[in-house]
N, C-alpha and C. Protein backbone atom coordinates (compact mmCIF):
# COMPACT_ATOMS: atom_id res chain seq x y z
N UNK A 1 8.11 6.49 -16.37
CA UNK A 1 7.41 5.67 -15.39
C UNK A 1 8.43 4.79 -14.67
N UNK A 2 8.35 4.73 -13.31
CA UNK A 2 9.29 3.90 -12.57
C UNK A 2 9.12 2.42 -12.91
N UNK A 3 10.23 1.72 -12.88
CA UNK A 3 10.20 0.28 -13.12
C UNK A 3 10.84 -0.42 -11.94
N UNK A 4 10.31 -1.58 -11.63
CA UNK A 4 10.82 -2.33 -10.49
C UNK A 4 10.43 -3.79 -10.64
N UNK A 5 11.11 -4.64 -9.92
CA UNK A 5 10.73 -6.06 -9.90
C UNK A 5 9.85 -6.34 -8.68
N UNK A 6 9.44 -5.29 -7.96
CA UNK A 6 8.57 -5.43 -6.81
C UNK A 6 7.31 -4.59 -6.99
N UNK A 7 6.18 -5.15 -6.61
CA UNK A 7 4.90 -4.44 -6.67
C UNK A 7 4.26 -4.54 -5.29
N UNK A 8 3.92 -3.39 -4.72
CA UNK A 8 3.30 -3.36 -3.39
C UNK A 8 1.87 -2.85 -3.52
N UNK A 9 1.01 -3.31 -2.59
CA UNK A 9 -0.39 -2.91 -2.62
C UNK A 9 -1.02 -3.21 -1.27
N UNK A 10 -2.22 -2.67 -1.07
CA UNK A 10 -2.99 -2.88 0.15
C UNK A 10 -4.28 -3.61 -0.23
N UNK A 11 -4.70 -4.53 0.64
CA UNK A 11 -5.98 -5.21 0.44
C UNK A 11 -6.95 -4.82 1.55
N UNK A 12 -8.21 -4.78 1.19
CA UNK A 12 -9.29 -4.56 2.16
C UNK A 12 -9.51 -5.86 2.94
N UNK A 13 -10.28 -5.79 4.03
CA UNK A 13 -10.53 -7.01 4.80
C UNK A 13 -11.15 -8.15 3.99
N UNK A 14 -11.90 -7.83 2.93
CA UNK A 14 -12.50 -8.87 2.11
C UNK A 14 -11.54 -9.45 1.07
N UNK A 15 -10.30 -8.95 1.04
CA UNK A 15 -9.29 -9.46 0.13
C UNK A 15 -9.16 -8.71 -1.17
N UNK A 16 -10.08 -7.79 -1.45
CA UNK A 16 -9.97 -7.00 -2.68
C UNK A 16 -8.83 -6.01 -2.58
N UNK A 17 -8.18 -5.77 -3.71
CA UNK A 17 -7.04 -4.86 -3.75
C UNK A 17 -7.52 -3.43 -3.89
N UNK A 18 -6.95 -2.53 -3.10
CA UNK A 18 -7.20 -1.10 -3.25
C UNK A 18 -6.36 -0.61 -4.42
N UNK A 19 -7.00 -0.31 -5.54
CA UNK A 19 -6.27 0.03 -6.75
C UNK A 19 -5.41 1.29 -6.60
N UNK A 20 -5.84 2.23 -5.75
CA UNK A 20 -5.06 3.45 -5.56
C UNK A 20 -3.73 3.19 -4.87
N UNK A 21 -3.62 2.04 -4.19
CA UNK A 21 -2.42 1.75 -3.42
C UNK A 21 -1.33 1.03 -4.23
N UNK A 22 -1.64 0.55 -5.41
CA UNK A 22 -0.67 -0.22 -6.20
C UNK A 22 0.52 0.66 -6.58
N UNK A 23 1.73 0.19 -6.25
CA UNK A 23 2.93 0.99 -6.51
C UNK A 23 4.16 0.10 -6.64
N UNK A 24 5.19 0.64 -7.25
CA UNK A 24 6.49 -0.04 -7.31
C UNK A 24 7.47 0.60 -6.33
N UNK A 25 6.94 1.44 -5.44
CA UNK A 25 7.78 2.21 -4.52
C UNK A 25 7.81 1.66 -3.09
N UNK A 26 7.23 0.49 -2.83
CA UNK A 26 7.30 -0.11 -1.51
C UNK A 26 6.01 -0.04 -0.72
N UNK A 27 5.96 -0.84 0.34
CA UNK A 27 4.75 -0.94 1.15
C UNK A 27 4.39 0.35 1.87
N UNK A 28 5.39 1.12 2.30
CA UNK A 28 5.10 2.37 3.00
C UNK A 28 4.32 3.33 2.09
N UNK A 29 4.71 3.41 0.84
CA UNK A 29 4.00 4.28 -0.12
C UNK A 29 2.63 3.71 -0.42
N UNK A 30 2.50 2.39 -0.51
CA UNK A 30 1.19 1.77 -0.74
C UNK A 30 0.24 2.12 0.40
N UNK A 31 0.73 2.05 1.61
CA UNK A 31 -0.09 2.39 2.78
C UNK A 31 -0.48 3.87 2.75
N UNK A 32 0.47 4.73 2.39
CA UNK A 32 0.19 6.16 2.32
C UNK A 32 -0.87 6.44 1.27
N UNK A 33 -0.79 5.80 0.12
CA UNK A 33 -1.79 5.99 -0.93
C UNK A 33 -3.15 5.49 -0.50
N UNK A 34 -3.17 4.38 0.24
CA UNK A 34 -4.42 3.83 0.76
C UNK A 34 -5.11 4.86 1.66
N UNK A 35 -4.37 5.41 2.60
CA UNK A 35 -4.92 6.41 3.52
C UNK A 35 -5.33 7.66 2.75
N UNK A 36 -4.50 8.11 1.82
CA UNK A 36 -4.78 9.33 1.07
C UNK A 36 -6.04 9.21 0.22
N UNK A 37 -6.38 7.99 -0.18
CA UNK A 37 -7.60 7.80 -0.97
C UNK A 37 -8.84 8.12 -0.12
N UNK A 38 -8.74 7.89 1.18
CA UNK A 38 -9.86 8.16 2.07
C UNK A 38 -9.80 9.56 2.68
N UNK A 39 -8.62 10.11 2.79
CA UNK A 39 -8.43 11.46 3.35
C UNK A 39 -7.64 12.29 2.34
N UNK A 40 -8.28 12.77 1.29
CA UNK A 40 -7.57 13.47 0.22
C UNK A 40 -6.77 14.68 0.71
N UNK A 41 -5.58 14.83 0.15
CA UNK A 41 -4.70 15.95 0.51
C UNK A 41 -5.38 17.31 0.36
N UNK A 42 -6.24 17.44 -0.63
CA UNK A 42 -6.85 18.76 -0.88
C UNK A 42 -7.76 19.20 0.26
N UNK A 43 -8.26 18.25 1.06
CA UNK A 43 -9.10 18.61 2.20
C UNK A 43 -8.37 18.52 3.53
N UNK A 44 -7.44 17.56 3.65
CA UNK A 44 -6.82 17.28 4.94
C UNK A 44 -5.33 17.59 5.00
N UNK A 45 -4.75 18.07 3.91
CA UNK A 45 -3.33 18.33 3.87
C UNK A 45 -2.56 17.07 3.52
N UNK A 46 -1.25 17.18 3.40
CA UNK A 46 -0.42 16.02 3.03
C UNK A 46 -0.58 14.87 4.02
N UNK A 47 -0.74 13.67 3.50
CA UNK A 47 -0.95 12.52 4.38
C UNK A 47 0.25 12.25 5.28
N UNK A 48 1.43 12.76 4.90
CA UNK A 48 2.60 12.58 5.74
C UNK A 48 2.46 13.32 7.06
N UNK A 49 1.55 14.30 7.11
CA UNK A 49 1.33 15.08 8.33
C UNK A 49 0.12 14.60 9.12
N UNK A 50 -0.53 13.55 8.67
CA UNK A 50 -1.77 13.11 9.29
C UNK A 50 -1.59 12.06 10.39
N UNK A 51 -0.40 11.67 10.68
CA UNK A 51 -0.21 10.58 11.63
C UNK A 51 -0.48 9.26 10.94
N UNK A 52 0.18 9.07 9.81
CA UNK A 52 -0.07 7.91 8.96
C UNK A 52 0.03 6.59 9.71
N UNK A 53 1.01 6.45 10.58
CA UNK A 53 1.17 5.16 11.28
C UNK A 53 -0.05 4.85 12.14
N UNK A 54 -0.61 5.84 12.78
CA UNK A 54 -1.79 5.64 13.61
C UNK A 54 -3.00 5.27 12.75
N UNK A 55 -3.17 5.95 11.63
CA UNK A 55 -4.27 5.65 10.72
C UNK A 55 -4.12 4.25 10.13
N UNK A 56 -2.89 3.90 9.74
CA UNK A 56 -2.67 2.57 9.18
C UNK A 56 -2.93 1.49 10.22
N UNK A 57 -2.49 1.72 11.44
CA UNK A 57 -2.68 0.74 12.51
C UNK A 57 -4.18 0.47 12.71
N UNK A 58 -4.99 1.52 12.66
CA UNK A 58 -6.43 1.36 12.77
C UNK A 58 -7.01 0.54 11.64
N UNK A 59 -6.55 0.80 10.42
CA UNK A 59 -7.02 0.04 9.25
C UNK A 59 -6.59 -1.42 9.36
N UNK A 60 -5.35 -1.65 9.81
CA UNK A 60 -4.84 -3.02 9.95
C UNK A 60 -5.63 -3.79 11.01
N UNK A 61 -6.03 -3.11 12.08
CA UNK A 61 -6.84 -3.75 13.11
C UNK A 61 -8.19 -4.19 12.56
N UNK A 62 -8.67 -3.50 11.54
CA UNK A 62 -9.95 -3.84 10.92
C UNK A 62 -9.79 -4.85 9.79
N UNK A 63 -8.53 -5.23 9.46
CA UNK A 63 -8.31 -6.28 8.47
C UNK A 63 -7.60 -5.87 7.20
N UNK A 64 -7.24 -4.60 7.05
CA UNK A 64 -6.46 -4.18 5.88
C UNK A 64 -5.06 -4.78 6.00
N UNK A 65 -4.48 -5.16 4.87
CA UNK A 65 -3.13 -5.75 4.85
C UNK A 65 -2.34 -5.17 3.69
N UNK A 66 -1.04 -5.08 3.86
CA UNK A 66 -0.18 -4.63 2.76
C UNK A 66 0.76 -5.78 2.39
N UNK A 67 1.03 -5.87 1.10
CA UNK A 67 1.86 -6.96 0.57
C UNK A 67 2.81 -6.42 -0.49
N UNK A 68 3.88 -7.15 -0.72
CA UNK A 68 4.79 -6.89 -1.82
C UNK A 68 5.02 -8.20 -2.55
N UNK A 69 4.87 -8.14 -3.86
CA UNK A 69 5.15 -9.29 -4.72
C UNK A 69 6.44 -9.01 -5.45
N UNK A 70 7.35 -9.98 -5.44
CA UNK A 70 8.62 -9.87 -6.15
C UNK A 70 8.54 -10.71 -7.42
N UNK A 71 8.89 -10.10 -8.55
CA UNK A 71 8.93 -10.82 -9.81
C UNK A 71 10.37 -11.27 -10.03
N UNK A 72 10.59 -12.58 -10.02
CA UNK A 72 11.93 -13.14 -10.17
C UNK A 72 12.46 -12.98 -11.59
N UNK A 73 13.74 -13.25 -11.77
CA UNK A 73 14.36 -13.13 -13.09
C UNK A 73 13.75 -14.11 -14.09
N UNK A 74 13.13 -15.17 -13.59
CA UNK A 74 12.47 -16.14 -14.46
C UNK A 74 11.02 -15.75 -14.75
N UNK A 75 10.58 -14.61 -14.19
CA UNK A 75 9.22 -14.13 -14.41
C UNK A 75 8.20 -14.66 -13.43
N UNK A 76 8.63 -15.51 -12.49
CA UNK A 76 7.72 -16.08 -11.51
C UNK A 76 7.53 -15.11 -10.33
N UNK A 77 6.28 -14.85 -9.95
CA UNK A 77 6.03 -13.98 -8.80
C UNK A 77 6.08 -14.75 -7.48
N UNK A 78 6.51 -14.07 -6.43
CA UNK A 78 6.43 -14.67 -5.10
C UNK A 78 6.22 -13.55 -4.09
N UNK A 79 5.55 -13.89 -3.00
CA UNK A 79 5.26 -12.93 -1.96
C UNK A 79 6.52 -12.66 -1.16
N UNK A 80 6.80 -11.38 -0.95
CA UNK A 80 7.98 -10.99 -0.17
C UNK A 80 7.75 -11.33 1.30
N UNK A 81 8.73 -11.99 1.89
CA UNK A 81 8.62 -12.36 3.30
C UNK A 81 8.93 -11.15 4.16
N UNK A 82 8.28 -11.08 5.29
CA UNK A 82 8.43 -9.93 6.20
C UNK A 82 9.50 -10.19 7.21
């Protein structure tokens, strides 16, 4: 299992976390997982071929947000600045 001091995820407009998007691989992968949860690869093909940026932009316009939390060496979490 990959290990990292960063955790990325996507939130819905109401602030709830999309559990399928939680990853240690960065915000781009979190966004891809978010989209893939709604457009499964088995029906629509790989999400990398779906125009992910366009789909994400639409979700962001509706209030979806992606975040990364960094866990410091002291164990304290902080939001990664953009």
